[in-house]
Amino acid sequence: MRRHFWLGFLALSAAVLRAEEPTLEQRLKALEDRLAASPVLAVGPEGVAVKSADGQTTTKLSGDLQADGRFYFSDDARSFTDTFLLRRVRPALDVALPGAVDLRVQANLVSASPSLDDAYLDIKPAPGWRARFGRFKAPFALETIQSSARLVFVERSLASGLAPVYENGLGLYRDFPAGRGLAAVSYGNGAVDGASADAEGAERKDVSVRLWGTPFAGGSFKTLSVGVAATHGREDGTTAAPRLPSFRTEGQNVFFSYKADHVAAGDRRRLSPQLAWWMGPMGLWAEHVTARQVVRSTVTAVAVDLTHRAWQVTTAWVLTGEPRTDRGVKPARPFDPRRGGWGAWEAAARASAFRADKATFDSGAADPDQSAAAARAWTGGLTWYWSANAKVQLNLTRTSFDGGATAGTDRRVERAFFTRAQVSF
């Protein structure tokens, strides 16, 4: 009797335990619930992204690295340095937050003191609208606002020397439907030509406006985009901080600068018509920049209104036939010899020029024995795209000058060879 009791007790206990054990279906359901509550990690060509379980927040890590070489062929005096350098090392963080709010921070770690390129907050009050606060590129020149990782050449042209780069302030952007264009206006600490605004700018501000669009809906001109941009502000310099620009060649050598006893002293205006046209494997970019600035002598107190001009025309042809866009080239067969992939090849040519206002020298604002009145650059390039994320560039450039040397002679022609190996993601 006792034996039967214990056997029954054990059988009942086993049945209860089996009833308490989760079934396979229950275990799978629990696992699915845990996965649904976990962040989603994605790793791809555009970076590393983590999305929250509810899909409301996305954090993305990206960046680019440019390893360059600079070599000069016409430098008998050895005043320029042949060198290898890291041109840019820029990690970036992008965060999409709930409530249509985006954050972007990008630092450049190359210089002795690391600097911030982008550091801004975007608020999207309605579809197609963005209000931007922080540090960002001024909406002005075509070549300047293009990402450094997507440039056709290693360095920007002479035209970009007249354009502002980064500014601190606020902006309002309107993206037209179907990618047909963009309207932008910004208000911020103005920057001198070819430079970025300081973190603590002058009391007066600059206004920038840019309109960009594709006016033709069909035919051969459907990929033609045209635009115009302008800035207006006031700059008042001091002897300690003149707030006047210097202009550089593509080789990053100064060919024009103002005398030390001159400062910015009034209105600063810029205007730039611009266009871009993509035709299958070919691309064309062109812009003209006019920069006007009132300059005053600290010795005589005489002020003069000066207008400098520059332009550039760039054309590129993808030799392997892939489409050319403003985002670069994506090889149909990325570099992988084992699979017969050799990437994509692109040839490019650019002409650019700069001319200073004649009154600059007549008024004594610049020394004709030190600063050139004009510069003309011709650049050719070959780019090997290993993938959408990696490329190797080779550039040859020739820059000639009017004036800029002693006794009214012309500055020596600058011939340079640039290399770049780049990874971006």
Protein backbone atom coordinates (compact mmCIF):
# COMPACT_ATOMS: atom_id res chain seq x y z
CA MET A 1 0.00 0.00 0.00
CA ARG A 2 2.79 2.39 0.97
CA ARG A 3 4.66 1.52 -2.22
CA HIS A 4 1.65 2.40 -4.35
CA PHE A 5 1.33 5.69 -2.50
CA TRP A 6 4.88 6.77 -3.31
CA LEU A 7 4.60 5.69 -6.92
CA GLY A 8 1.47 7.77 -7.29
CA PHE A 9 3.11 10.74 -5.60
CA LEU A 10 6.11 10.62 -7.94
CA ALA A 11 3.91 10.33 -11.02
CA LEU A 12 1.81 13.30 -9.93
CA SER A 13 4.93 15.41 -9.23
CA ALA A 14 6.38 14.61 -12.67
CA ALA A 15 3.11 15.61 -14.31
CA VAL A 16 3.09 18.92 -12.43
CA LEU A 17 6.70 19.65 -13.41
CA ARG A 18 6.00 18.85 -17.04
CA ALA A 19 3.03 21.21 -16.95
CA GLU A 20 5.24 23.99 -15.59
CA GLU A 21 7.96 23.54 -18.27
CA PRO A 22 7.53 26.03 -21.17
CA THR A 23 6.73 24.50 -24.48
CA LEU A 24 8.96 25.06 -27.51
CA GLU A 25 6.37 27.50 -28.86
CA GLN A 26 6.40 29.44 -25.60
CA ARG A 27 10.19 29.60 -25.59
CA LEU A 28 10.23 30.90 -29.19
CA LYS A 29 7.62 33.51 -28.31
CA ALA A 30 9.70 34.70 -25.34
CA LEU A 31 12.78 34.93 -27.55
CA GLU A 32 10.88 36.94 -30.16
CA ASP A 33 9.67 39.33 -27.46
CA ARG A 34 13.22 39.87 -26.21
CA LEU A 35 14.49 40.49 -29.74
CA ALA A 36 11.66 42.93 -30.45
CA ALA A 37 12.68 44.94 -27.38
CA SER A 38 16.37 45.04 -28.37
CA PRO A 39 18.11 47.71 -30.50
CA VAL A 40 18.83 46.81 -34.14
CA LEU A 41 22.45 47.00 -35.33
CA ALA A 42 23.21 47.54 -39.03
CA VAL A 43 26.68 47.62 -40.59
CA GLY A 44 27.05 48.64 -44.24
CA PRO A 45 28.81 50.87 -46.77
CA GLU A 46 27.26 54.00 -45.26
CA GLY A 47 28.50 53.36 -41.72
CA VAL A 48 27.41 51.69 -38.51
CA ALA A 49 23.84 52.38 -37.39
CA VAL A 50 21.90 51.42 -34.28
CA LYS A 51 18.11 51.78 -34.27
CA SER A 52 16.05 51.68 -31.09
CA ALA A 53 13.51 48.89 -30.65
CA ASP A 54 10.60 51.26 -31.24
CA GLY A 55 12.24 52.69 -34.38
CA GLN A 56 12.07 56.24 -33.03
CA THR A 57 15.81 56.84 -32.58
CA THR A 58 18.70 56.03 -34.94
CA THR A 59 22.37 56.61 -34.19
CA LYS A 60 24.87 56.38 -37.05
CA LEU A 61 28.67 56.44 -37.02
CA SER A 62 30.50 57.35 -40.24
CA GLY A 63 33.62 59.17 -41.37
CA ASP A 64 36.33 59.67 -43.96
CA LEU A 65 40.11 59.60 -44.20
CA GLN A 66 42.23 61.24 -46.90
CA ALA A 67 45.94 60.41 -47.21
CA ASP A 68 47.52 62.85 -49.68
CA GLY A 69 50.79 63.57 -51.42
CA ARG A 70 51.91 67.01 -52.70
CA PHE A 71 54.83 67.47 -55.08
CA TYR A 72 56.00 70.60 -56.97
CA PHE A 73 57.85 70.61 -60.30
CA SER A 74 58.74 74.30 -60.69
CA ASP A 75 60.15 75.12 -57.30
CA ASP A 76 63.88 75.65 -57.86
CA ALA A 77 64.07 77.85 -54.76
CA ARG A 78 62.49 75.04 -52.71
CA SER A 79 60.01 77.45 -51.15
CA PHE A 80 57.29 74.77 -51.28
CA THR A 81 57.46 71.46 -49.43
CA ASP A 82 57.07 68.12 -51.18
CA THR A 83 55.29 66.01 -48.61
CA PHE A 84 52.86 63.29 -47.66
CA LEU A 85 50.08 64.36 -45.32
CA LEU A 86 46.76 63.43 -43.81
CA ARG A 87 44.44 66.00 -45.38
CA ARG A 88 41.35 65.02 -43.41
CA VAL A 89 40.45 62.51 -40.70
CA ARG A 90 36.80 63.15 -39.86
CA PRO A 91 34.64 60.90 -37.71
CA ALA A 92 30.95 61.82 -37.77
CA LEU A 93 27.93 61.13 -35.58
CA ASP A 94 24.36 61.45 -36.87
CA VAL A 95 21.37 60.97 -34.58
CA ALA A 96 17.71 60.94 -35.63
CA LEU A 97 15.58 61.63 -32.55
CA PRO A 98 11.84 61.36 -31.91
CA GLY A 99 9.86 64.41 -32.91
CA ALA A 100 11.56 64.96 -36.30
CA VAL A 101 14.81 66.19 -34.77
CA ASP A 102 18.23 65.36 -36.25
CA LEU A 103 21.70 65.96 -34.82
CA ARG A 104 25.02 65.94 -36.67
CA VAL A 105 28.55 66.34 -35.29
CA GLN A 106 31.67 65.95 -37.45
CA ALA A 107 35.19 66.70 -36.23
CA ASN A 108 38.44 67.10 -38.16
CA LEU A 109 41.26 65.47 -36.20
CA VAL A 110 44.14 66.42 -38.51
CA SER A 111 45.22 69.77 -37.09
CA ALA A 112 47.23 70.18 -33.89
CA SER A 113 44.03 71.38 -32.22
CA PRO A 114 41.09 69.29 -33.48
CA SER A 115 38.25 71.37 -34.89
CA LEU A 116 34.55 70.96 -35.47
CA ASP A 117 33.32 71.04 -39.04
CA ASP A 118 29.64 70.33 -38.59
CA ALA A 119 27.85 70.63 -35.25
CA TYR A 120 24.18 71.36 -35.77
CA LEU A 121 20.62 70.47 -34.88
CA ASP A 122 17.89 70.11 -37.51
CA ILE A 123 14.23 70.51 -36.58
CA LYS A 124 11.67 69.47 -39.21
CA PRO A 125 8.41 71.34 -38.56
CA ALA A 126 6.77 70.05 -41.76
CA PRO A 127 7.63 67.73 -44.66
CA GLY A 128 10.36 69.30 -46.80
CA TRP A 129 11.27 71.98 -44.23
CA ARG A 130 14.35 72.08 -41.98
CA ALA A 131 15.34 74.67 -39.37
CA ARG A 132 19.05 74.39 -38.59
CA PHE A 133 20.93 75.68 -35.53
CA GLY A 134 24.69 75.45 -34.87
CA ARG A 135 27.76 75.25 -37.10
CA PHE A 136 27.31 74.33 -40.76
CA LYS A 137 28.39 75.27 -44.28
CA ALA A 138 27.07 78.58 -45.54
CA PRO A 139 24.61 77.94 -48.40
CA PHE A 140 26.60 79.66 -51.12
CA ALA A 141 29.21 78.31 -53.56
CA LEU A 142 28.58 75.12 -55.55
CA GLU A 143 32.02 73.57 -55.06
CA THR A 144 32.36 74.66 -51.43
CA ILE A 145 29.13 73.12 -50.19
CA GLN A 146 30.01 69.80 -51.83
CA SER A 147 31.37 67.28 -49.33
CA SER A 148 35.17 67.01 -49.37
CA ALA A 149 34.77 63.24 -49.73
CA ARG A 150 32.91 63.71 -53.05
CA LEU A 151 35.17 66.22 -54.78
CA VAL A 152 36.09 65.54 -58.40
CA PHE A 153 39.65 66.73 -57.70
CA VAL A 154 41.96 66.57 -54.71
CA GLU A 155 41.66 70.31 -54.03
CA ARG A 156 38.98 72.88 -54.74
CA SER A 157 39.40 75.54 -57.43
CA LEU A 158 40.36 79.21 -57.33
CA ALA A 159 36.66 80.11 -57.30
CA SER A 160 36.18 78.53 -53.88
CA GLY A 161 38.73 80.97 -52.48
CA LEU A 162 36.12 83.74 -52.65
CA ALA A 163 33.41 81.77 -50.83
CA PRO A 164 32.72 81.38 -47.10
CA VAL A 165 32.97 77.86 -45.70
CA TYR A 166 31.58 77.11 -42.22
CA GLU A 167 29.58 79.58 -40.17
CA ASN A 168 27.85 79.61 -36.80
CA GLY A 169 24.22 80.62 -36.85
CA LEU A 170 20.80 79.46 -37.94
CA GLY A 171 19.34 78.42 -41.28
CA LEU A 172 16.06 77.55 -42.93
CA TYR A 173 15.91 75.00 -45.76
CA ARG A 174 13.11 74.02 -48.13
CA ASP A 175 13.55 70.80 -50.15
CA PHE A 176 11.30 70.79 -53.21
CA PRO A 177 9.28 67.63 -53.97
CA ALA A 178 10.76 64.84 -56.13
CA GLY A 179 14.28 66.21 -55.65
CA ARG A 180 13.58 69.16 -57.94
CA GLY A 181 15.61 71.65 -55.94
CA LEU A 182 16.41 73.47 -52.74
CA ALA A 183 15.95 76.92 -51.23
CA ALA A 184 18.10 77.97 -48.28
CA VAL A 185 18.67 81.07 -46.18
CA SER A 186 21.06 81.46 -43.23
CA TYR A 187 21.91 84.13 -40.69
CA GLY A 188 25.15 83.83 -38.77
CA ASN A 189 28.66 84.94 -37.91
CA GLY A 190 30.11 85.81 -41.29
CA ALA A 191 33.38 84.36 -42.55
CA VAL A 192 36.01 86.04 -44.70
CA ASP A 193 36.53 84.71 -48.22
CA GLY A 194 37.81 81.14 -48.31
CA ALA A 195 37.60 80.67 -44.54
CA SER A 196 35.29 79.57 -41.73
CA ALA A 197 33.74 81.80 -39.08
CA ASP A 198 35.31 81.89 -35.64
CA ALA A 199 33.41 80.40 -32.73
CA GLU A 200 33.07 83.92 -31.35
CA GLY A 201 32.41 86.07 -34.41
CA ALA A 202 32.02 89.78 -34.85
CA GLU A 203 28.96 91.66 -33.63
CA ARG A 204 27.60 92.03 -37.17
CA LYS A 205 26.16 89.06 -39.04
CA ASP A 206 25.92 87.80 -42.62
CA VAL A 207 22.81 86.71 -44.49
CA SER A 208 23.20 83.99 -47.15
CA VAL A 209 20.56 82.95 -49.68
CA ARG A 210 20.71 80.13 -52.23
CA LEU A 211 18.18 78.90 -54.80
CA TRP A 212 18.91 75.67 -56.65
CA GLY A 213 16.63 73.69 -58.93
CA THR A 214 16.01 71.52 -61.97
CA PRO A 215 13.75 73.59 -64.23
CA PHE A 216 13.27 71.05 -67.04
CA ALA A 217 11.00 68.05 -66.52
CA GLY A 218 12.09 65.98 -69.52
CA GLY A 219 14.41 65.61 -72.46
CA SER A 220 18.17 66.04 -72.49
CA PHE A 221 17.96 68.89 -69.97
CA LYS A 222 16.05 67.03 -67.25
CA THR A 223 19.30 66.52 -65.31
CA LEU A 224 20.42 70.14 -65.70
CA SER A 225 20.35 72.05 -62.40
CA VAL A 226 20.88 75.80 -62.14
CA GLY A 227 21.07 78.15 -59.21
CA VAL A 228 22.11 81.46 -57.78
CA ALA A 229 23.45 82.38 -54.35
CA ALA A 230 24.26 85.61 -52.55
CA THR A 231 25.56 86.84 -49.21
CA HIS A 232 25.41 90.24 -47.55
CA GLY A 233 26.98 91.48 -44.35
CA ARG A 234 29.42 93.90 -42.84
CA GLU A 235 32.96 93.27 -41.65
CA ASP A 236 34.97 95.63 -39.44
CA GLY A 237 38.55 94.58 -38.78
CA THR A 238 41.29 95.87 -36.53
CA THR A 239 45.06 95.99 -36.79
CA ALA A 240 45.22 92.88 -34.60
CA ALA A 241 42.49 91.12 -36.58
CA PRO A 242 42.19 92.70 -40.07
CA ARG A 243 39.40 90.29 -41.14
CA LEU A 244 40.72 90.25 -44.72
CA PRO A 245 41.35 87.13 -46.81
CA SER A 246 44.43 85.67 -48.46
CA PHE A 247 44.02 83.65 -51.64
CA ARG A 248 45.76 80.33 -52.31
CA THR A 249 46.55 78.13 -55.27
CA GLU A 250 45.36 74.53 -55.45
CA GLY A 251 48.78 73.70 -54.05
CA GLN A 252 47.76 75.71 -50.94
CA ASN A 253 50.36 78.43 -51.52
CA VAL A 254 49.37 82.08 -50.95
CA PHE A 255 49.52 84.19 -54.13
CA PHE A 256 47.53 87.23 -52.94
CA SER A 257 47.30 89.01 -49.59
CA TYR A 258 46.56 92.53 -48.40
CA LYS A 259 49.11 94.81 -46.81
CA ALA A 260 49.32 94.58 -43.02
CA ASP A 261 48.12 98.19 -42.60
CA HIS A 262 44.72 97.51 -44.22
CA VAL A 263 41.55 96.17 -42.59
CA ALA A 264 37.99 95.29 -43.55
CA ALA A 265 35.80 98.34 -43.03
CA GLY A 266 32.29 98.00 -44.37
CA ASP A 267 29.94 96.10 -46.64
CA ARG A 268 30.75 92.60 -47.83
CA ARG A 269 28.66 91.19 -50.68
CA ARG A 270 28.96 88.05 -52.78
CA LEU A 271 27.08 86.71 -55.78
CA SER A 272 27.38 83.35 -57.53
CA PRO A 273 25.42 81.94 -60.49
CA GLN A 274 26.07 78.19 -60.82
CA LEU A 275 25.02 75.05 -62.68
CA ALA A 276 25.51 71.28 -62.78
CA TRP A 277 24.58 68.86 -65.56
CA TRP A 278 24.80 65.08 -65.50
CA MET A 279 24.53 63.14 -68.75
CA GLY A 280 24.99 59.43 -68.05
CA PRO A 281 28.71 58.87 -67.44
CA MET A 282 29.53 62.58 -67.91
CA GLY A 283 29.21 65.51 -65.54
CA LEU A 284 29.62 69.28 -65.89
CA TRP A 285 29.90 71.86 -63.11
CA ALA A 286 30.37 75.61 -63.48
CA GLU A 287 30.17 78.69 -61.27
CA HIS A 288 31.20 82.34 -61.15
CA VAL A 289 31.85 84.12 -57.85
CA THR A 290 31.97 87.88 -57.25
CA ALA A 291 33.19 89.07 -53.84
CA ARG A 292 32.97 92.72 -52.83
CA GLN A 293 34.53 94.19 -49.66
CA VAL A 294 35.23 97.69 -48.38
CA VAL A 295 38.88 97.94 -47.29
CA ARG A 296 40.44 100.80 -45.28
CA SER A 297 44.03 101.88 -44.69
CA THR A 298 44.86 102.28 -41.00
CA VAL A 299 47.53 104.84 -41.97
CA THR A 300 45.60 107.22 -44.23
CA ALA A 301 42.04 106.21 -43.18
CA VAL A 302 41.14 106.08 -46.89
CA ALA A 303 38.59 103.38 -47.73
CA VAL A 304 38.10 101.71 -51.10
CA ASP A 305 35.34 99.38 -52.32
CA LEU A 306 36.99 96.37 -54.00
CA THR A 307 35.43 93.61 -56.11
CA HIS A 308 37.32 90.39 -56.89
CA ARG A 309 36.07 87.76 -59.33
CA ALA A 310 36.71 84.07 -59.95
CA TRP A 311 35.17 81.20 -61.91
CA GLN A 312 35.60 77.50 -62.54
CA VAL A 313 34.37 74.93 -65.07
CA THR A 314 34.76 71.22 -64.35
CA THR A 315 33.96 68.25 -66.56
CA ALA A 316 34.25 64.55 -65.73
CA TRP A 317 33.79 61.37 -67.75
CA VAL A 318 33.46 57.90 -66.23
CA LEU A 319 35.52 55.78 -68.61
CA THR A 320 33.90 52.52 -67.47
CA GLY A 321 30.39 53.79 -68.21
CA GLU A 322 28.80 54.08 -64.75
CA PRO A 323 26.45 57.04 -64.14
CA ARG A 324 28.03 60.23 -62.80
CA THR A 325 26.09 62.19 -60.14
CA ASP A 326 26.86 64.74 -57.45
CA ARG A 327 27.32 61.82 -55.05
CA GLY A 328 30.23 60.45 -57.05
CA VAL A 329 30.59 57.12 -58.85
CA LYS A 330 29.44 53.67 -57.73
CA PRO A 331 31.42 50.98 -59.60
CA ALA A 332 29.32 48.34 -61.31
CA ARG A 333 32.04 45.82 -60.41
CA PRO A 334 33.95 46.84 -57.25
CA PHE A 335 37.64 46.05 -57.12
CA ASP A 336 38.11 42.31 -56.54
CA PRO A 337 40.54 40.65 -59.01
CA ARG A 338 39.50 37.18 -57.86
CA ARG A 339 35.99 37.88 -59.16
CA GLY A 340 37.11 39.87 -62.18
CA GLY A 341 36.18 43.24 -60.68
CA TRP A 342 38.45 46.23 -61.32
CA GLY A 343 36.33 49.12 -60.07
CA ALA A 344 35.54 52.26 -62.10
CA TRP A 345 37.79 54.85 -63.76
CA GLU A 346 37.09 58.55 -64.25
CA ALA A 347 38.97 61.24 -66.17
CA ALA A 348 38.37 64.91 -65.35
CA ALA A 349 39.52 68.38 -66.40
CA ARG A 350 39.04 71.80 -64.84
CA ALA A 351 39.78 75.40 -65.74
CA SER A 352 39.57 78.15 -63.13
CA ALA A 353 40.68 81.76 -62.81
CA PHE A 354 40.88 84.64 -60.34
CA ARG A 355 41.18 88.37 -60.96
CA ALA A 356 41.65 91.04 -58.33
CA ASP A 357 40.10 94.49 -58.60
CA LYS A 358 42.58 96.85 -60.30
CA ALA A 359 41.87 99.41 -57.59
CA THR A 360 43.43 97.02 -55.07
CA PHE A 361 46.88 97.97 -56.34
CA ASP A 362 46.08 101.54 -57.39
CA SER A 363 44.95 102.31 -53.83
CA GLY A 364 47.92 100.58 -52.22
CA ALA A 365 45.83 97.93 -50.47
CA ALA A 366 48.12 95.20 -51.86
CA ASP A 367 51.74 95.14 -53.02
CA PRO A 368 52.05 94.15 -56.73
CA ASP A 369 55.52 92.77 -56.00
CA GLN A 370 54.01 90.33 -53.51
CA SER A 371 50.44 89.71 -54.67
CA ALA A 372 49.33 88.59 -58.12
CA ALA A 373 46.62 90.55 -59.92
CA ALA A 374 45.32 87.40 -61.62
CA ALA A 375 45.76 83.63 -61.58
CA ARG A 376 44.72 80.92 -64.05
CA ALA A 377 44.75 77.20 -63.24
CA TRP A 378 44.40 74.14 -65.44
CA THR A 379 43.92 70.80 -63.71
CA GLY A 380 43.63 67.26 -65.03
CA GLY A 381 42.79 64.21 -62.98
CA LEU A 382 42.35 60.46 -63.04
CA THR A 383 40.34 58.70 -60.33
CA TRP A 384 40.19 54.97 -59.66
CA TYR A 385 37.08 54.04 -57.67
CA TRP A 386 37.73 50.74 -55.93
CA SER A 387 34.19 50.82 -54.52
CA ALA A 388 31.60 53.36 -53.48
CA ASN A 389 33.70 53.83 -50.32
CA ALA A 390 37.30 53.89 -51.57
CA LYS A 391 39.14 55.72 -54.33
CA VAL A 392 42.63 56.75 -55.46
CA GLN A 393 43.16 60.12 -57.20
CA LEU A 394 46.01 61.52 -59.29
CA ASN A 395 45.98 65.22 -60.24
CA LEU A 396 48.26 67.49 -62.27
CA THR A 397 47.77 71.24 -62.05
CA ARG A 398 49.40 74.29 -63.64
CA THR A 399 48.80 77.81 -62.31
CA SER A 400 50.10 80.97 -64.01
CA PHE A 401 49.96 84.53 -62.68
CA ASP A 402 49.89 88.19 -63.67
CA GLY A 403 52.27 90.08 -61.42
CA GLY A 404 53.15 89.00 -57.93
CA ALA A 405 56.96 89.15 -58.31
CA THR A 406 59.60 91.85 -57.97
CA ALA A 407 59.90 94.75 -60.42
CA GLY A 408 56.46 94.12 -61.89
CA THR A 409 57.30 90.65 -63.20
CA ASP A 410 55.01 87.65 -63.08
CA ARG A 411 55.13 85.14 -60.28
CA ARG A 412 56.70 81.86 -61.36
CA VAL A 413 54.30 79.31 -62.85
CA GLU A 414 53.30 76.70 -60.27
CA ARG A 415 53.21 73.08 -61.43
CA ALA A 416 52.12 70.46 -58.94
CA PHE A 417 51.20 66.79 -58.70
CA PHE A 418 48.70 65.60 -56.09
CA THR A 419 47.79 62.10 -54.95
CA ARG A 420 45.02 60.95 -52.65
CA ALA A 421 43.91 57.63 -51.20
CA GLN A 422 40.49 57.99 -49.58
CA VAL A 423 38.14 55.84 -47.58
CA SER A 424 34.69 57.13 -46.63
CA PHE A 425 31.73 55.38 -45.08
